[in-house]
Amino acid sequence: MSKRPEWWLALLAKIWPLTWISAQACQWPVVGPLIAKASIPFFSGRNLNISYLPINEELDGGSTLLPIRVVEEFIERSSHRVILKRCTCRDARQCENHPVDLGCMLLGEGTRHIDPRIVHHISREEAVAHLHRCVTDGLVPMIGRVKIDNLIWGVPDEGKMLTICFCCSCCCTLWTSGKYLPREAAASMVRLKGLEMKVDHDECRLCGTCVGECNMAAISIVGDRVVHDMTKCIGCGWCVTVCPWTAITPEIKDVDDALGELRTRIETLVDVE
């Protein structure tokens, strides 16, 4: 069992702003390239591989939300599950949009090691209920392998812990820092296979809301059109949520194919059973 006292979460909230500062520092002149080079091993390759799961029923043409469908599958297969008692990102920024107690969920045998003073050890039913609560609150699930979590939560790095964060666009560390990260690290935020954001140019009013809200700087107005740069887009679907004219729609070529690719990718990195 790891040793993480109750004050560990409070300490993390105090020092967490350094994560945003370090990401932005990658763009600083002179020292930026050095900081970027030093950070790449921690935030690329097998050490970081994540995908955001956009909340939108239109993706699979039914009443089942895509994030719920994906995450429930991993919850059902998991040998153990915990929920962090507080979301470090929201705690650090004193989020006013979403509850701080909607913390990350961690799945897999490795989570048995985590100190119960900082997490709730939960049943499958409790995990599913937490998932539904987060999605209903408008949080965007992020799922994948985050090696640095092993260090933070005191879990041996044996590839037996899957991270599922419930992100808000105002506070999530990776989400808000993505546009500052070096290309190798940004590439570790993998868009679901075949997912694209389509703009109805007849409905679009060129208000620029999506441009300002995109944390990856993947949207711009070119002439009389809103354009998504799909080489930067991570498929979080936030532009769909914030568009006041409902002019943006997520489209995916084959949901089952996309989920199959996601499952395979995660299974090569993490054993949750």
C-alpha atoms as a PDB file:
ATOM      1  CA  MET A   1       0.000   0.000   0.000  1.00  0.00           C
ATOM      2  CA  SER A   2       1.291   3.454  -0.923  1.00  0.00           C
ATOM      3  CA  LYS A   3       1.631   6.108   1.755  1.00  0.00           C
ATOM      4  CA  ARG A   4      -0.145   9.309   0.791  1.00  0.00           C
ATOM      5  CA  PRO A   5      -1.573  11.321   3.743  1.00  0.00           C
ATOM      6  CA  GLU A   6      -4.771  13.362   3.444  1.00  0.00           C
ATOM      7  CA  TRP A   7      -2.786  16.567   2.985  1.00  0.00           C
ATOM      8  CA  TRP A   8      -1.207  15.108  -0.185  1.00  0.00           C
ATOM      9  CA  LEU A   9      -4.162  16.298  -2.282  1.00  0.00           C
ATOM     10  CA  ALA A  10      -3.970  19.787  -0.778  1.00  0.00           C
ATOM     11  CA  LEU A  11      -0.228  19.923  -1.499  1.00  0.00           C
ATOM     12  CA  LEU A  12      -0.771  18.874  -5.109  1.00  0.00           C
ATOM     13  CA  ALA A  13      -3.363  21.625  -5.555  1.00  0.00           C
ATOM     14  CA  LYS A  14      -0.801  24.176  -4.354  1.00  0.00           C
ATOM     15  CA  ILE A  15       2.013  23.064  -6.664  1.00  0.00           C
ATOM     16  CA  TRP A  16      -0.168  22.082  -9.654  1.00  0.00           C
ATOM     17  CA  PRO A  17       0.093  25.526 -11.332  1.00  0.00           C
ATOM     18  CA  LEU A  18       3.694  24.573 -12.106  1.00  0.00           C
ATOM     19  CA  THR A  19       2.356  22.076 -14.655  1.00  0.00           C
ATOM     20  CA  TRP A  20       0.708  24.850 -16.671  1.00  0.00           C
ATOM     21  CA  ILE A  21       3.752  27.102 -16.331  1.00  0.00           C
ATOM     22  CA  SER A  22       6.112  24.351 -17.487  1.00  0.00           C
ATOM     23  CA  ALA A  23       3.931  23.650 -20.531  1.00  0.00           C
ATOM     24  CA  GLN A  24       3.872  27.320 -21.532  1.00  0.00           C
ATOM     25  CA  ALA A  25       7.619  27.497 -20.913  1.00  0.00           C
ATOM     26  CA  CYS A  26       8.106  25.191 -23.898  1.00  0.00           C
ATOM     27  CA  GLN A  27       7.321  28.253 -26.035  1.00  0.00           C
ATOM     28  CA  TRP A  28       9.751  30.590 -24.295  1.00  0.00           C
ATOM     29  CA  PRO A  29      12.734  31.862 -26.317  1.00  0.00           C
ATOM     30  CA  VAL A  30      16.166  30.332 -25.664  1.00  0.00           C
ATOM     31  CA  VAL A  31      15.207  28.006 -22.775  1.00  0.00           C
ATOM     32  CA  GLY A  32      11.947  26.790 -24.345  1.00  0.00           C
ATOM     33  CA  PRO A  33      13.539  24.177 -26.641  1.00  0.00           C
ATOM     34  CA  LEU A  34      15.555  22.807 -23.715  1.00  0.00           C
ATOM     35  CA  ILE A  35      12.463  22.490 -21.525  1.00  0.00           C
ATOM     36  CA  ALA A  36      10.547  20.868 -24.374  1.00  0.00           C
ATOM     37  CA  LYS A  37      13.328  18.352 -25.005  1.00  0.00           C
ATOM     38  CA  ALA A  38      13.487  17.443 -21.314  1.00  0.00           C
ATOM     39  CA  SER A  39       9.728  16.941 -21.086  1.00  0.00           C
ATOM     40  CA  ILE A  40       9.252  14.741 -24.167  1.00  0.00           C
ATOM     41  CA  PRO A  41      10.323  11.437 -22.535  1.00  0.00           C
ATOM     42  CA  PHE A  42       7.674  11.893 -19.825  1.00  0.00           C
ATOM     43  CA  PHE A  43       4.839  12.886 -22.149  1.00  0.00           C
ATOM     44  CA  SER A  44       5.207  10.742 -25.244  1.00  0.00           C
ATOM     45  CA  GLY A  45       5.453   7.154 -26.433  1.00  0.00           C
ATOM     46  CA  ARG A  46       4.357   4.527 -23.905  1.00  0.00           C
ATOM     47  CA  ASN A  47       4.524   7.029 -21.055  1.00  0.00           C
ATOM     48  CA  LEU A  48       1.537   9.018 -22.293  1.00  0.00           C
ATOM     49  CA  ASN A  49      -1.149   7.899 -24.697  1.00  0.00           C
ATOM     50  CA  ILE A  50      -4.648   9.262 -24.157  1.00  0.00           C
ATOM     51  CA  SER A  51      -7.862   9.983 -26.034  1.00  0.00           C
ATOM     52  CA  TYR A  52     -10.710  12.344 -25.251  1.00  0.00           C
ATOM     53  CA  LEU A  53     -14.216  10.941 -25.686  1.00  0.00           C
ATOM     54  CA  PRO A  54     -16.575  13.665 -26.931  1.00  0.00           C
ATOM     55  CA  ILE A  55     -19.992  13.798 -25.302  1.00  0.00           C
ATOM     56  CA  ASN A  56     -22.452  13.730 -28.176  1.00  0.00           C
ATOM     57  CA  GLU A  57     -25.266  11.305 -28.919  1.00  0.00           C
ATOM     58  CA  GLU A  58     -25.029  11.863 -32.670  1.00  0.00           C
ATOM     59  CA  LEU A  59     -21.745   9.976 -32.806  1.00  0.00           C
ATOM     60  CA  ASP A  60     -23.409   6.585 -32.561  1.00  0.00           C
ATOM     61  CA  GLY A  61     -26.904   7.553 -33.644  1.00  0.00           C
ATOM     62  CA  GLY A  62     -28.646   6.474 -30.474  1.00  0.00           C
ATOM     63  CA  SER A  63     -29.355   7.312 -26.871  1.00  0.00           C
ATOM     64  CA  THR A  64     -26.149   5.772 -25.516  1.00  0.00           C
ATOM     65  CA  LEU A  65     -23.405   8.341 -25.138  1.00  0.00           C
ATOM     66  CA  LEU A  66     -20.097   7.235 -26.622  1.00  0.00           C
ATOM     67  CA  PRO A  67     -18.042   7.970 -23.468  1.00  0.00           C
ATOM     68  CA  ILE A  68     -20.371   5.876 -21.333  1.00  0.00           C
ATOM     69  CA  ARG A  69     -20.260   2.995 -23.792  1.00  0.00           C
ATOM     70  CA  VAL A  70     -16.442   2.943 -23.835  1.00  0.00           C
ATOM     71  CA  VAL A  71     -15.723   3.515 -20.166  1.00  0.00           C
ATOM     72  CA  GLU A  72     -18.354   1.074 -18.917  1.00  0.00           C
ATOM     73  CA  GLU A  73     -16.610  -1.678 -20.851  1.00  0.00           C
ATOM     74  CA  PHE A  74     -13.314  -1.033 -19.071  1.00  0.00           C
ATOM     75  CA  ILE A  75     -15.043  -0.698 -15.696  1.00  0.00           C
ATOM     76  CA  GLU A  76     -16.698  -4.072 -16.168  1.00  0.00           C
ATOM     77  CA  ARG A  77     -13.344  -5.708 -16.988  1.00  0.00           C
ATOM     78  CA  SER A  78     -11.350  -3.992 -14.229  1.00  0.00           C
ATOM     79  CA  SER A  79     -10.074  -6.008 -11.290  1.00  0.00           C
ATOM     80  CA  HIS A  80     -10.131  -2.966  -8.994  1.00  0.00           C
ATOM     81  CA  ARG A  81     -11.274   0.661  -9.108  1.00  0.00           C
ATOM     82  CA  VAL A  82     -10.732   3.914  -7.201  1.00  0.00           C
ATOM     83  CA  ILE A  83     -11.940   7.513  -7.436  1.00  0.00           C
ATOM     84  CA  LEU A  84      -9.737  10.391  -6.313  1.00  0.00           C
ATOM     85  CA  LYS A  85     -11.409  12.326  -3.548  1.00  0.00           C
ATOM     86  CA  ARG A  86     -10.636  15.654  -5.234  1.00  0.00           C
ATOM     87  CA  CYS A  87      -9.785  16.679  -8.785  1.00  0.00           C
ATOM     88  CA  THR A  88      -6.339  18.259  -8.558  1.00  0.00           C
ATOM     89  CA  CYS A  89      -6.824  20.438 -11.647  1.00  0.00           C
ATOM     90  CA  ARG A  90     -10.147  21.903 -10.480  1.00  0.00           C
ATOM     91  CA  ASP A  91      -8.874  22.202  -6.919  1.00  0.00           C
ATOM     92  CA  ALA A  92      -5.813  24.145  -8.070  1.00  0.00           C
ATOM     93  CA  ARG A  93      -7.878  26.592 -10.111  1.00  0.00           C
ATOM     94  CA  GLN A  94     -10.796  26.771  -7.677  1.00  0.00           C
ATOM     95  CA  CYS A  95     -13.161  25.784 -10.463  1.00  0.00           C
ATOM     96  CA  GLU A  96     -16.575  27.428 -10.299  1.00  0.00           C
ATOM     97  CA  ASN A  97     -18.114  25.426 -13.139  1.00  0.00           C
ATOM     98  CA  HIS A  98     -17.856  21.838 -11.882  1.00  0.00           C
ATOM     99  CA  PRO A  99     -17.604  20.140  -8.456  1.00  0.00           C
ATOM    100  CA  VAL A 100     -14.106  19.445  -7.185  1.00  0.00           C
ATOM    101  CA  ASP A 101     -15.185  16.049  -5.843  1.00  0.00           C
ATOM    102  CA  LEU A 102     -15.764  14.728  -9.373  1.00  0.00           C
ATOM    103  CA  GLY A 103     -12.282  13.237  -9.360  1.00  0.00           C
ATOM    104  CA  CYS A 104     -10.398  11.002 -11.756  1.00  0.00           C
ATOM    105  CA  MET A 105     -11.161   7.292 -11.848  1.00  0.00           C
ATOM    106  CA  LEU A 106      -8.312   4.788 -11.917  1.00  0.00           C
ATOM    107  CA  LEU A 107      -8.803   1.176 -12.969  1.00  0.00           C
ATOM    108  CA  GLY A 108      -6.721  -1.982 -12.692  1.00  0.00           C
ATOM    109  CA  GLU A 109      -4.871  -4.151 -10.216  1.00  0.00           C
ATOM    110  CA  GLY A 110      -2.365  -1.392  -9.513  1.00  0.00           C
ATOM    111  CA  THR A 111      -5.032   0.757  -7.876  1.00  0.00           C
ATOM    112  CA  ARG A 112      -5.182  -1.606  -4.889  1.00  0.00           C
ATOM    113  CA  HIS A 113      -1.932   0.045  -3.769  1.00  0.00           C
ATOM    114  CA  ILE A 114      -3.374   3.557  -3.477  1.00  0.00           C
ATOM    115  CA  ASP A 115      -3.779   4.985   0.012  1.00  0.00           C
ATOM    116  CA  PRO A 116      -7.489   5.150   1.002  1.00  0.00           C
ATOM    117  CA  ARG A 117      -6.870   8.526   2.601  1.00  0.00           C
ATOM    118  CA  ILE A 118      -6.787  10.101  -0.879  1.00  0.00           C
ATOM    119  CA  VAL A 119      -9.116   7.814  -2.858  1.00  0.00           C
ATOM    120  CA  HIS A 120     -12.373   5.929  -2.519  1.00  0.00           C
ATOM    121  CA  HIS A 121     -11.983   2.210  -3.255  1.00  0.00           C
ATOM    122  CA  ILE A 122     -15.223   1.397  -5.047  1.00  0.00           C
ATOM    123  CA  SER A 123     -17.359  -1.318  -6.605  1.00  0.00           C
ATOM    124  CA  ARG A 124     -18.137  -1.591 -10.316  1.00  0.00           C
ATOM    125  CA  GLU A 125     -21.614  -0.209  -9.642  1.00  0.00           C
ATOM    126  CA  GLU A 126     -20.203   2.811  -7.835  1.00  0.00           C
ATOM    127  CA  ALA A 127     -17.743   3.394 -10.686  1.00  0.00           C
ATOM    128  CA  VAL A 128     -20.533   3.385 -13.272  1.00  0.00           C
ATOM    129  CA  ALA A 129     -22.593   5.791 -11.133  1.00  0.00           C
ATOM    130  CA  HIS A 130     -19.607   8.165 -10.893  1.00  0.00           C
ATOM    131  CA  LEU A 131     -19.126   7.994 -14.657  1.00  0.00           C
ATOM    132  CA  HIS A 132     -22.762   8.920 -15.281  1.00  0.00           C
ATOM    133  CA  ARG A 133     -22.598  11.770 -12.785  1.00  0.00           C
ATOM    134  CA  CYS A 134     -19.522  13.242 -14.476  1.00  0.00           C
ATOM    135  CA  VAL A 135     -20.907  12.979 -18.007  1.00  0.00           C
ATOM    136  CA  THR A 136     -24.256  14.442 -16.900  1.00  0.00           C
ATOM    137  CA  ASP A 137     -22.346  17.376 -15.402  1.00  0.00           C
ATOM    138  CA  GLY A 138     -20.827  18.063 -18.838  1.00  0.00           C
ATOM    139  CA  LEU A 139     -17.310  16.780 -18.154  1.00  0.00           C
ATOM    140  CA  VAL A 140     -15.401  15.188 -21.033  1.00  0.00           C
ATOM    141  CA  PRO A 141     -13.825  11.799 -20.250  1.00  0.00           C
ATOM    142  CA  MET A 142     -10.180  11.264 -21.122  1.00  0.00           C
ATOM    143  CA  ILE A 143      -8.875   7.687 -21.080  1.00  0.00           C
ATOM    144  CA  GLY A 144      -5.445   6.165 -21.464  1.00  0.00           C
ATOM    145  CA  ARG A 145      -1.997   5.517 -20.065  1.00  0.00           C
ATOM    146  CA  VAL A 146      -0.460   8.317 -17.941  1.00  0.00           C
ATOM    147  CA  LYS A 147       2.772   7.014 -16.463  1.00  0.00           C
ATOM    148  CA  ILE A 148       3.374  10.015 -14.235  1.00  0.00           C
ATOM    149  CA  ASP A 149       0.190   9.072 -12.327  1.00  0.00           C
ATOM    150  CA  ASN A 150       2.053   6.053 -10.961  1.00  0.00           C
ATOM    151  CA  LEU A 151       4.510   8.389  -9.257  1.00  0.00           C
ATOM    152  CA  ILE A 152       1.862  10.813  -8.048  1.00  0.00           C
ATOM    153  CA  TRP A 153      -0.399   8.155  -6.519  1.00  0.00           C
ATOM    154  CA  GLY A 154       2.298   5.738  -5.345  1.00  0.00           C
ATOM    155  CA  VAL A 155       1.566   2.835  -7.700  1.00  0.00           C
ATOM    156  CA  PRO A 156       4.337   0.499  -8.939  1.00  0.00           C
ATOM    157  CA  ASP A 157       4.791   1.026 -12.668  1.00  0.00           C
ATOM    158  CA  GLU A 158       3.788  -2.436 -13.846  1.00  0.00           C
ATOM    159  CA  GLY A 159       1.375  -1.346 -16.584  1.00  0.00           C
ATOM    160  CA  LYS A 160      -1.659  -2.211 -14.466  1.00  0.00           C
ATOM    161  CA  MET A 161      -3.354   1.155 -14.025  1.00  0.00           C
ATOM    162  CA  LEU A 162      -5.658   2.911 -16.485  1.00  0.00           C
ATOM    163  CA  THR A 163      -6.389   6.605 -15.995  1.00  0.00           C
ATOM    164  CA  ILE A 164      -9.839   8.028 -16.708  1.00  0.00           C
ATOM    165  CA  CYS A 165     -10.041  11.780 -16.093  1.00  0.00           C
ATOM    166  CA  PHE A 166     -13.232  13.799 -16.263  1.00  0.00           C
ATOM    167  CA  CYS A 167     -12.098  17.064 -17.774  1.00  0.00           C
ATOM    168  CA  CYS A 168     -13.423  20.577 -17.922  1.00  0.00           C
ATOM    169  CA  SER A 169     -12.067  22.947 -20.553  1.00  0.00           C
ATOM    170  CA  CYS A 170     -11.255  25.560 -17.921  1.00  0.00           C
ATOM    171  CA  CYS A 171      -8.978  23.494 -15.689  1.00  0.00           C
ATOM    172  CA  CYS A 172      -7.707  20.248 -17.231  1.00  0.00           C
ATOM    173  CA  THR A 173      -3.908  20.377 -17.308  1.00  0.00           C
ATOM    174  CA  LEU A 174      -3.286  18.586 -20.605  1.00  0.00           C
ATOM    175  CA  TRP A 175      -6.350  20.024 -22.302  1.00  0.00           C
ATOM    176  CA  THR A 176      -5.501  23.631 -21.511  1.00  0.00           C
ATOM    177  CA  SER A 177      -1.785  23.159 -22.158  1.00  0.00           C
ATOM    178  CA  GLY A 178      -1.935  21.147 -25.367  1.00  0.00           C
ATOM    179  CA  LYS A 179      -1.200  24.007 -27.726  1.00  0.00           C
ATOM    180  CA  TYR A 180       2.045  24.777 -25.874  1.00  0.00           C
ATOM    181  CA  LEU A 181       3.430  21.241 -25.865  1.00  0.00           C
ATOM    182  CA  PRO A 182       6.106  20.086 -28.318  1.00  0.00           C
ATOM    183  CA  ARG A 183       4.705  18.154 -31.276  1.00  0.00           C
ATOM    184  CA  GLU A 184       5.860  14.764 -29.940  1.00  0.00           C
ATOM    185  CA  ALA A 185       3.953  15.306 -26.672  1.00  0.00           C
ATOM    186  CA  ALA A 186       0.844  16.778 -28.321  1.00  0.00           C
ATOM    187  CA  ALA A 187       0.741  13.704 -30.571  1.00  0.00           C
ATOM    188  CA  SER A 188       0.178  11.583 -27.462  1.00  0.00           C
ATOM    189  CA  MET A 189      -3.343  13.044 -27.301  1.00  0.00           C
ATOM    190  CA  VAL A 190      -4.811  10.772 -29.956  1.00  0.00           C
ATOM    191  CA  ARG A 191      -8.060  11.661 -31.734  1.00  0.00           C
ATOM    192  CA  LEU A 192     -10.508   8.785 -32.117  1.00  0.00           C
ATOM    193  CA  LYS A 193     -10.021   7.038 -35.430  1.00  0.00           C
ATOM    194  CA  GLY A 194     -12.181   8.546 -38.184  1.00  0.00           C
ATOM    195  CA  LEU A 195     -13.528  11.379 -36.002  1.00  0.00           C
ATOM    196  CA  GLU A 196     -13.909  14.787 -37.674  1.00  0.00           C
ATOM    197  CA  MET A 197     -15.686  18.036 -36.852  1.00  0.00           C
ATOM    198  CA  LYS A 198     -17.990  19.169 -39.647  1.00  0.00           C
ATOM    199  CA  VAL A 199     -19.131  22.783 -39.951  1.00  0.00           C
ATOM    200  CA  ASP A 200     -22.492  23.720 -41.444  1.00  0.00           C
ATOM    201  CA  HIS A 201     -21.432  26.941 -43.126  1.00  0.00           C
ATOM    202  CA  ASP A 202     -25.048  27.942 -43.742  1.00  0.00           C
ATOM    203  CA  GLU A 203     -25.679  27.950 -39.986  1.00  0.00           C
ATOM    204  CA  CYS A 204     -22.296  29.353 -38.920  1.00  0.00           C
ATOM    205  CA  ARG A 205     -22.310  33.084 -38.097  1.00  0.00           C
ATOM    206  CA  LEU A 206     -18.513  33.432 -37.869  1.00  0.00           C
ATOM    207  CA  CYS A 207     -18.870  34.590 -34.254  1.00  0.00           C
ATOM    208  CA  GLY A 208     -15.467  33.117 -33.371  1.00  0.00           C
ATOM    209  CA  THR A 209     -16.652  31.383 -30.197  1.00  0.00           C
ATOM    210  CA  CYS A 210     -15.167  28.039 -31.233  1.00  0.00           C
ATOM    211  CA  VAL A 211     -11.890  29.721 -32.195  1.00  0.00           C
ATOM    212  CA  GLY A 212     -11.489  31.292 -28.769  1.00  0.00           C
ATOM    213  CA  GLU A 213     -12.578  28.184 -26.871  1.00  0.00           C
ATOM    214  CA  CYS A 214     -10.343  25.653 -28.657  1.00  0.00           C
ATOM    215  CA  ASN A 215      -7.514  24.761 -26.300  1.00  0.00           C
ATOM    216  CA  MET A 216      -5.467  23.228 -29.103  1.00  0.00           C
ATOM    217  CA  ALA A 217      -5.573  26.308 -31.369  1.00  0.00           C
ATOM    218  CA  ALA A 218      -6.958  23.971 -34.022  1.00  0.00           C
ATOM    219  CA  ILE A 219      -9.727  26.279 -35.309  1.00  0.00           C
ATOM    220  CA  SER A 220      -9.450  29.460 -37.343  1.00  0.00           C
ATOM    221  CA  ILE A 221     -11.553  31.660 -39.571  1.00  0.00           C
ATOM    222  CA  VAL A 222     -10.270  31.675 -43.126  1.00  0.00           C
ATOM    223  CA  GLY A 223     -12.158  34.075 -45.346  1.00  0.00           C
ATOM    224  CA  ASP A 224     -15.827  33.366 -44.734  1.00  0.00           C
ATOM    225  CA  ARG A 225     -15.333  29.890 -43.275  1.00  0.00           C
ATOM    226  CA  VAL A 226     -14.487  28.250 -39.968  1.00  0.00           C
ATOM    227  CA  VAL A 227     -11.726  25.730 -40.578  1.00  0.00           C
ATOM    228  CA  HIS A 228     -10.570  22.872 -38.332  1.00  0.00           C
ATOM    229  CA  ASP A 229      -6.930  21.885 -38.558  1.00  0.00           C
ATOM    230  CA  MET A 230      -7.340  18.141 -38.015  1.00  0.00           C
ATOM    231  CA  THR A 231      -3.591  17.732 -37.488  1.00  0.00           C
ATOM    232  CA  LYS A 232      -4.031  19.660 -34.219  1.00  0.00           C
ATOM    233  CA  CYS A 233      -7.583  18.625 -33.283  1.00  0.00           C
ATOM    234  CA  ILE A 234      -7.731  16.052 -30.465  1.00  0.00           C
ATOM    235  CA  GLY A 235     -11.436  15.338 -30.957  1.00  0.00           C
ATOM    236  CA  CYS A 236     -12.624  16.547 -27.554  1.00  0.00           C
ATOM    237  CA  GLY A 237     -15.820  17.946 -29.106  1.00  0.00           C
ATOM    238  CA  TRP A 238     -15.731  21.129 -27.052  1.00  0.00           C
ATOM    239  CA  CYS A 239     -16.336  23.261 -30.151  1.00  0.00           C
ATOM    240  CA  VAL A 240     -19.576  21.332 -30.677  1.00  0.00           C
ATOM    241  CA  THR A 241     -20.658  22.090 -27.118  1.00  0.00           C
ATOM    242  CA  VAL A 242     -19.901  25.820 -27.144  1.00  0.00           C
ATOM    243  CA  CYS A 243     -21.134  26.727 -30.653  1.00  0.00           C
ATOM    244  CA  PRO A 244     -24.152  29.018 -30.076  1.00  0.00           C
ATOM    245  CA  TRP A 245     -25.531  28.205 -33.537  1.00  0.00           C
ATOM    246  CA  THR A 246     -25.193  24.389 -33.336  1.00  0.00           C
ATOM    247  CA  ALA A 247     -23.238  24.668 -36.573  1.00  0.00           C
ATOM    248  CA  ILE A 248     -20.577  22.072 -35.708  1.00  0.00           C
ATOM    249  CA  THR A 249     -21.272  18.341 -35.716  1.00  0.00           C
ATOM    250  CA  PRO A 250     -18.916  15.485 -34.834  1.00  0.00           C
ATOM    251  CA  GLU A 251     -18.849  12.783 -37.468  1.00  0.00           C
ATOM    252  CA  ILE A 252     -17.169   9.416 -37.223  1.00  0.00           C
ATOM    253  CA  LYS A 253     -16.829   7.029 -40.133  1.00  0.00           C
ATOM    254  CA  ASP A 254     -17.255   3.818 -38.172  1.00  0.00           C
ATOM    255  CA  VAL A 255     -17.937   3.856 -34.424  1.00  0.00           C
ATOM    256  CA  ASP A 256     -17.139   0.171 -33.938  1.00  0.00           C
ATOM    257  CA  ASP A 257     -13.867   0.540 -35.843  1.00  0.00           C
ATOM    258  CA  ALA A 258     -12.921   3.579 -33.752  1.00  0.00           C
ATOM    259  CA  LEU A 259     -13.697   1.805 -30.494  1.00  0.00           C
ATOM    260  CA  GLY A 260     -11.810  -1.258 -31.662  1.00  0.00           C
ATOM    261  CA  GLU A 261      -8.712   0.816 -32.358  1.00  0.00           C
ATOM    262  CA  LEU A 262      -9.024   2.532 -28.948  1.00  0.00           C
ATOM    263  CA  ARG A 263      -9.401  -0.788 -27.112  1.00  0.00           C
ATOM    264  CA  THR A 264      -6.417  -2.303 -28.908  1.00  0.00           C
ATOM    265  CA  ARG A 265      -4.256   0.754 -28.260  1.00  0.00           C
ATOM    266  CA  ILE A 266      -5.097   0.811 -24.553  1.00  0.00           C
ATOM    267  CA  GLU A 267      -4.650  -2.955 -24.174  1.00  0.00           C
ATOM    268  CA  THR A 268      -1.115  -2.742 -25.539  1.00  0.00           C
ATOM    269  CA  LEU A 269      -0.253  -0.219 -22.816  1.00  0.00           C
ATOM    270  CA  VAL A 270      -2.371  -1.180 -19.799  1.00  0.00           C
ATOM    271  CA  ASP A 271      -3.733  -4.367 -18.226  1.00  0.00           C
ATOM    272  CA  VAL A 272      -6.893  -3.465 -16.280  1.00  0.00           C
ATOM    273  CA  GLU A 273      -7.993  -7.028 -15.515  1.00  0.00           C
END
